[in-house]
Amino acid sequence: MDDEHRIFHSHGHSVKEIYELRFGELKRVVDAVIYPENHDQVEKIVALALKHNVVLLPYGGGTNVTESLECEDSEKRMIVSVDMG
């Protein structure tokens, strides 16, 4: 839950995101980062997220070509990055 890991998992490598990162304009970052070690842990994470209404963002290589790492600044629920590395 430290700031460095949260910021690292809250953006990709697009020009827009690098600009926002450099100039302190990231509006929303993930609240926590988790590192599951196996399939069973991923199933438990998904079940708990559903139960507690938590947003999960899967984190792969971090390129963000699909823009799926961008946190909506209007999102009020907890956002958790699930590092699949």
C-alpha atoms as a PDB file:
ATOM      1  CA  MET A   1       0.000   0.000   0.000  1.00  0.00           C
ATOM      2  CA  ASP A   2       3.010   2.306  -0.203  1.00  0.00           C
ATOM      3  CA  ASP A   3       2.796   5.290  -2.534  1.00  0.00           C
ATOM      4  CA  GLU A   4       5.546   4.112  -4.904  1.00  0.00           C
ATOM      5  CA  HIS A   5       3.810   0.824  -5.763  1.00  0.00           C
ATOM      6  CA  ARG A   6       0.386   2.465  -5.958  1.00  0.00           C
ATOM      7  CA  ILE A   7       1.565   5.145  -8.397  1.00  0.00           C
ATOM      8  CA  PHE A   8       3.559   2.648 -10.473  1.00  0.00           C
ATOM      9  CA  HIS A   9       0.437   0.485 -10.931  1.00  0.00           C
ATOM     10  CA  SER A  10      -1.870   3.414 -11.757  1.00  0.00           C
ATOM     11  CA  HIS A  11      -0.630   4.335 -15.222  1.00  0.00           C
ATOM     12  CA  GLY A  12       0.896   2.942 -18.379  1.00  0.00           C
ATOM     13  CA  HIS A  13       3.470   4.229 -20.847  1.00  0.00           C
ATOM     14  CA  SER A  14       1.479   6.467 -23.168  1.00  0.00           C
ATOM     15  CA  VAL A  15       2.615  10.043 -23.799  1.00  0.00           C
ATOM     16  CA  LYS A  16      -0.493  11.314 -22.013  1.00  0.00           C
ATOM     17  CA  GLU A  17       0.214   9.224 -18.919  1.00  0.00           C
ATOM     18  CA  ILE A  18       3.905  10.142 -18.776  1.00  0.00           C
ATOM     19  CA  TYR A  19       2.925  13.818 -19.022  1.00  0.00           C
ATOM     20  CA  GLU A  20       0.389  13.422 -16.199  1.00  0.00           C
ATOM     21  CA  LEU A  21       2.967  11.609 -14.085  1.00  0.00           C
ATOM     22  CA  ARG A  22       5.700  14.208 -14.656  1.00  0.00           C
ATOM     23  CA  PHE A  23       3.469  17.163 -13.913  1.00  0.00           C
ATOM     24  CA  GLY A  24       1.553  15.676 -10.986  1.00  0.00           C
ATOM     25  CA  GLU A  25      -1.762  15.431 -12.775  1.00  0.00           C
ATOM     26  CA  LEU A  26      -2.721  11.819 -12.005  1.00  0.00           C
ATOM     27  CA  LYS A  27      -6.215  12.377 -10.675  1.00  0.00           C
ATOM     28  CA  ARG A  28      -6.702   8.961  -9.089  1.00  0.00           C
ATOM     29  CA  VAL A  29      -4.362   6.123  -8.195  1.00  0.00           C
ATOM     30  CA  VAL A  30      -5.092   2.624  -6.976  1.00  0.00           C
ATOM     31  CA  ASP A  31      -5.669   2.218  -3.245  1.00  0.00           C
ATOM     32  CA  ALA A  32      -3.665  -0.991  -2.962  1.00  0.00           C
ATOM     33  CA  VAL A  33      -1.571  -3.421  -5.003  1.00  0.00           C
ATOM     34  CA  ILE A  34      -1.721  -7.169  -4.467  1.00  0.00           C
ATOM     35  CA  TYR A  35       0.487  -9.914  -5.858  1.00  0.00           C
ATOM     36  CA  PRO A  36      -1.338 -13.252  -6.087  1.00  0.00           C
ATOM     37  CA  GLU A  37       0.922 -16.284  -6.302  1.00  0.00           C
ATOM     38  CA  ASN A  38      -1.461 -18.840  -7.790  1.00  0.00           C
ATOM     39  CA  HIS A  39      -4.855 -19.490  -9.373  1.00  0.00           C
ATOM     40  CA  ASP A  40      -6.601 -20.180  -6.047  1.00  0.00           C
ATOM     41  CA  GLN A  41      -5.536 -16.803  -4.674  1.00  0.00           C
ATOM     42  CA  VAL A  42      -6.899 -15.050  -7.767  1.00  0.00           C
ATOM     43  CA  GLU A  43     -10.254 -16.798  -7.304  1.00  0.00           C
ATOM     44  CA  LYS A  44     -10.372 -15.677  -3.666  1.00  0.00           C
ATOM     45  CA  ILE A  45      -9.467 -12.107  -4.619  1.00  0.00           C
ATOM     46  CA  VAL A  46     -12.274 -11.951  -7.200  1.00  0.00           C
ATOM     47  CA  ALA A  47     -14.804 -13.418  -4.754  1.00  0.00           C
ATOM     48  CA  LEU A  48     -13.840 -10.924  -2.043  1.00  0.00           C
ATOM     49  CA  ALA A  49     -13.937  -8.019  -4.479  1.00  0.00           C
ATOM     50  CA  LEU A  50     -17.461  -8.973  -5.520  1.00  0.00           C
ATOM     51  CA  LYS A  51     -18.537  -9.359  -1.899  1.00  0.00           C
ATOM     52  CA  HIS A  52     -17.121  -5.977  -0.845  1.00  0.00           C
ATOM     53  CA  ASN A  53     -17.791  -4.014  -4.066  1.00  0.00           C
ATOM     54  CA  VAL A  54     -14.093  -3.399  -4.817  1.00  0.00           C
ATOM     55  CA  VAL A  55     -12.817  -2.512  -8.299  1.00  0.00           C
ATOM     56  CA  LEU A  56     -10.024  -4.795  -9.563  1.00  0.00           C
ATOM     57  CA  LEU A  57      -7.566  -3.677 -12.229  1.00  0.00           C
ATOM     58  CA  PRO A  58      -5.436  -6.498 -13.629  1.00  0.00           C
ATOM     59  CA  TYR A  59      -1.855  -5.380 -14.154  1.00  0.00           C
ATOM     60  CA  GLY A  60       0.233  -7.266 -16.700  1.00  0.00           C
ATOM     61  CA  GLY A  61       3.173  -5.651 -18.430  1.00  0.00           C
ATOM     62  CA  GLY A  62       2.072  -2.122 -17.623  1.00  0.00           C
ATOM     63  CA  THR A  63       1.942  -0.824 -21.189  1.00  0.00           C
ATOM     64  CA  ASN A  64      -1.741   0.084 -20.886  1.00  0.00           C
ATOM     65  CA  VAL A  65      -2.450  -0.257 -24.609  1.00  0.00           C
ATOM     66  CA  THR A  66      -6.117  -0.848 -23.738  1.00  0.00           C
ATOM     67  CA  GLU A  67      -6.241   2.057 -21.243  1.00  0.00           C
ATOM     68  CA  SER A  68      -7.465  -0.386 -18.613  1.00  0.00           C
ATOM     69  CA  LEU A  69      -4.998   0.879 -15.988  1.00  0.00           C
ATOM     70  CA  GLU A  70      -6.490   4.355 -15.904  1.00  0.00           C
ATOM     71  CA  CYS A  71      -8.398   4.959 -12.697  1.00  0.00           C
ATOM     72  CA  GLU A  72     -11.592   6.926 -13.177  1.00  0.00           C
ATOM     73  CA  ASP A  73     -11.292   9.979 -10.938  1.00  0.00           C
ATOM     74  CA  SER A  74     -15.030   9.804 -10.271  1.00  0.00           C
ATOM     75  CA  GLU A  75     -14.783   6.228  -8.916  1.00  0.00           C
ATOM     76  CA  LYS A  76     -15.683   6.215  -5.209  1.00  0.00           C
ATOM     77  CA  ARG A  77     -15.109   2.508  -4.583  1.00  0.00           C
ATOM     78  CA  MET A  78     -11.769   1.116  -3.491  1.00  0.00           C
ATOM     79  CA  ILE A  79      -9.536   0.294  -6.483  1.00  0.00           C
ATOM     80  CA  VAL A  80      -7.050  -2.583  -6.185  1.00  0.00           C
ATOM     81  CA  SER A  81      -4.376  -3.418  -8.741  1.00  0.00           C
ATOM     82  CA  VAL A  82      -3.860  -7.159  -9.171  1.00  0.00           C
ATOM     83  CA  ASP A  83      -0.279  -7.655 -10.394  1.00  0.00           C
ATOM     84  CA  MET A  84      -0.303 -10.755 -12.572  1.00  0.00           C
ATOM     85  CA  GLY A  85       3.489 -10.808 -12.976  1.00  0.00           C
END
